């Protein structure tokens, strides 16, 4: 049963624990979605940092993916993409696959929502800068996904 909270522009919280056994599928789904949304993905900068003690070694990459998906959830429709709730759905799939502990789940959701809200405050119409952010985030998200899968995914 999903518990919906007021801190969302669309993320449902489901309680679980531990690292997700389906990480590879979740990040591949993001990579595929990014590639489909923007054609072939190109390499971009990665945001790697030490993970908190209660998270997996790839936690910072997952948090960055959450930020990217939150941004894309706002900007892609603003700039004319007819994707419906695709980025919110991808975020939910990532959370479901990760099965994070409650504190980690909260951090992931907060990153998505914070990014969504920040860009919603700045971009009320599609601008060339908004399009550039979309392009950059699609590349960065695809690269992060590939990096996490190649380093931490099951072979």
Protein backbone atom coordinates (compact mmCIF):
# COMPACT_ATOMS: atom_id res chain seq x y z
CA UNK A 1 0.00 0.00 0.00
CA UNK A 2 1.41 3.39 -0.97
CA UNK A 3 1.42 6.26 1.47
CA UNK A 4 1.25 9.57 -0.34
CA UNK A 5 2.83 12.54 1.39
CA UNK A 6 2.45 16.28 1.05
CA UNK A 7 6.14 16.78 0.17
CA UNK A 8 5.69 15.43 -3.32
CA UNK A 9 5.01 16.68 -6.72
CA UNK A 10 4.33 13.03 -7.41
CA UNK A 11 6.47 10.55 -5.58
CA UNK A 12 4.73 7.84 -3.59
CA UNK A 13 6.50 6.44 -0.57
CA UNK A 14 6.50 2.70 -0.09
CA UNK A 15 8.32 1.24 2.87
CA UNK A 16 11.03 -1.37 2.40
CA UNK A 17 14.59 -1.97 3.46
CA UNK A 18 17.99 -2.86 2.12
CA UNK A 19 19.64 -2.26 -1.22
CA UNK A 20 17.49 -3.10 -4.23
CA UNK A 21 18.11 -6.36 -6.02
CA UNK A 22 16.95 -4.82 -9.28
CA UNK A 23 19.38 -1.89 -9.44
CA UNK A 24 20.61 -2.87 -12.87
CA UNK A 25 17.09 -2.92 -14.33
CA UNK A 26 16.21 0.42 -12.76
CA UNK A 27 19.25 2.31 -13.96
CA UNK A 28 19.04 0.67 -17.37
CA UNK A 29 15.42 1.80 -17.56
CA UNK A 30 16.60 5.35 -16.90
CA UNK A 31 19.31 5.07 -19.53
CA UNK A 32 16.82 3.72 -22.07
CA UNK A 33 14.30 6.43 -21.25
CA UNK A 34 16.95 9.13 -21.58
CA UNK A 35 18.17 7.68 -24.85
CA UNK A 36 14.66 7.41 -26.25
CA UNK A 37 13.81 10.91 -25.09
CA UNK A 38 16.85 12.50 -26.68
CA UNK A 39 18.29 10.04 -29.15
CA UNK A 40 21.77 8.71 -28.51
CA UNK A 41 23.19 9.79 -25.15
CA UNK A 42 26.65 11.33 -25.00
CA UNK A 43 29.05 11.32 -22.07
CA UNK A 44 28.71 14.05 -19.44
CA UNK A 45 30.22 14.85 -16.05
CA UNK A 46 29.65 12.39 -13.23
CA UNK A 47 28.91 13.35 -9.65
CA UNK A 48 30.64 10.75 -7.50
CA UNK A 49 31.16 11.23 -3.79
CA UNK A 50 31.39 9.15 -0.66
CA UNK A 51 28.13 7.45 0.30
CA UNK A 52 26.53 7.99 3.71
CA UNK A 53 27.13 5.18 6.20
CA UNK A 54 23.60 3.83 5.78
CA UNK A 55 23.62 3.74 1.98
CA UNK A 56 25.33 1.69 -0.70
CA UNK A 57 28.61 2.87 -2.26
CA UNK A 58 26.66 4.26 -5.24
CA UNK A 59 24.26 6.31 -3.09
CA UNK A 60 25.49 9.72 -4.29
CA UNK A 61 24.96 8.65 -7.91
CA UNK A 62 21.40 7.53 -7.09
CA UNK A 63 20.74 10.84 -5.36
CA UNK A 64 22.05 12.72 -8.39
CA UNK A 65 19.81 10.61 -10.66
CA UNK A 66 16.88 11.60 -8.45
CA UNK A 67 17.76 15.28 -8.91
CA UNK A 68 18.06 14.83 -12.66
CA UNK A 69 14.73 13.02 -12.91
CA UNK A 70 13.04 15.75 -10.83
CA UNK A 71 14.40 18.39 -13.18
CA UNK A 72 13.35 16.44 -16.26
CA UNK A 73 9.89 15.84 -14.79
CA UNK A 74 9.39 19.62 -14.84
CA UNK A 75 11.37 20.71 -17.89
CA UNK A 76 10.56 18.05 -20.50
CA UNK A 77 6.78 18.76 -20.57
CA UNK A 78 7.46 22.49 -20.31
CA UNK A 79 9.52 22.24 -23.50
CA UNK A 80 6.88 20.26 -25.37
CA UNK A 81 7.75 16.62 -24.68
CA UNK A 82 4.62 14.48 -24.62
CA UNK A 83 5.80 12.00 -21.99
CA UNK A 84 3.07 12.26 -19.39
CA UNK A 85 4.38 11.11 -16.02
CA UNK A 86 7.35 9.20 -17.44
CA UNK A 87 10.03 10.77 -15.19
CA UNK A 88 7.92 10.40 -12.05
CA UNK A 89 7.27 6.78 -13.03
CA UNK A 90 11.00 6.19 -13.59
CA UNK A 91 11.69 7.68 -10.17
CA UNK A 92 9.12 5.39 -8.57
CA UNK A 93 10.68 2.42 -10.41
CA UNK A 94 14.12 3.36 -9.10
CA UNK A 95 12.82 3.62 -5.53
CA UNK A 96 10.97 0.34 -5.86
CA UNK A 97 14.05 -1.41 -7.26
CA UNK A 98 16.34 0.02 -4.59
CA UNK A 99 14.05 -0.87 -1.68
CA UNK A 100 15.79 1.76 0.48
CA UNK A 101 15.53 2.08 4.26
CA UNK A 102 13.09 4.83 5.32
CA UNK A 103 15.77 7.51 5.89
CA UNK A 104 17.44 6.80 2.56
CA UNK A 105 14.06 6.71 0.81
CA UNK A 106 13.30 10.13 2.25
CA UNK A 107 16.63 11.52 0.97
CA UNK A 108 16.03 10.17 -2.53
CA UNK A 109 12.49 11.60 -2.67
CA UNK A 110 13.65 14.93 -1.26
CA UNK A 111 16.29 15.24 -4.00
CA UNK A 112 13.69 14.61 -6.73
CA UNK A 113 11.21 17.08 -5.21
CA UNK A 114 13.79 19.77 -4.45
CA UNK A 115 15.05 19.70 -8.03
CA UNK A 116 11.52 19.75 -9.44
CA UNK A 117 10.52 22.72 -7.28
CA UNK A 118 13.71 24.70 -7.89
CA UNK A 119 13.33 24.48 -11.64
CA UNK A 120 9.58 25.15 -11.47
CA UNK A 121 10.38 28.44 -9.70
CA UNK A 122 12.93 29.48 -12.33
CA UNK A 123 11.43 28.11 -15.55
CA UNK A 124 7.79 28.87 -16.25
CA UNK A 125 8.27 28.71 -20.01
CA UNK A 126 10.66 26.79 -22.19
CA UNK A 127 13.75 28.84 -22.96
CA UNK A 128 17.01 28.02 -24.73
CA UNK A 129 18.61 27.67 -21.28
CA UNK A 130 15.91 25.19 -20.22
CA UNK A 131 16.51 23.16 -23.39
CA UNK A 132 20.24 23.14 -22.67
CA UNK A 133 19.61 21.89 -19.12
CA UNK A 134 17.41 19.11 -20.51
CA UNK A 135 20.10 18.09 -22.99
CA UNK A 136 22.83 18.17 -20.33
CA UNK A 137 20.76 16.22 -17.78
CA UNK A 138 19.79 13.54 -20.30
CA UNK A 139 23.46 13.00 -21.11
CA UNK A 140 24.53 13.10 -17.46
CA UNK A 141 21.74 10.75 -16.34
CA UNK A 142 22.55 8.23 -19.06
CA UNK A 143 26.24 8.34 -18.13
CA UNK A 144 25.55 7.95 -14.41
CA UNK A 145 23.27 5.02 -15.17
CA UNK A 146 25.88 3.30 -17.30
CA UNK A 147 28.60 3.97 -14.72
CA UNK A 148 26.58 2.61 -11.80
CA UNK A 149 25.53 -0.50 -13.74
CA UNK A 150 29.04 -1.22 -15.00
CA UNK A 151 30.60 -0.74 -11.57
CA UNK A 152 27.94 -2.12 -9.19
CA UNK A 153 25.44 -4.07 -11.32
CA UNK A 154 25.22 -7.82 -11.46
CA UNK A 155 26.89 -9.41 -14.45
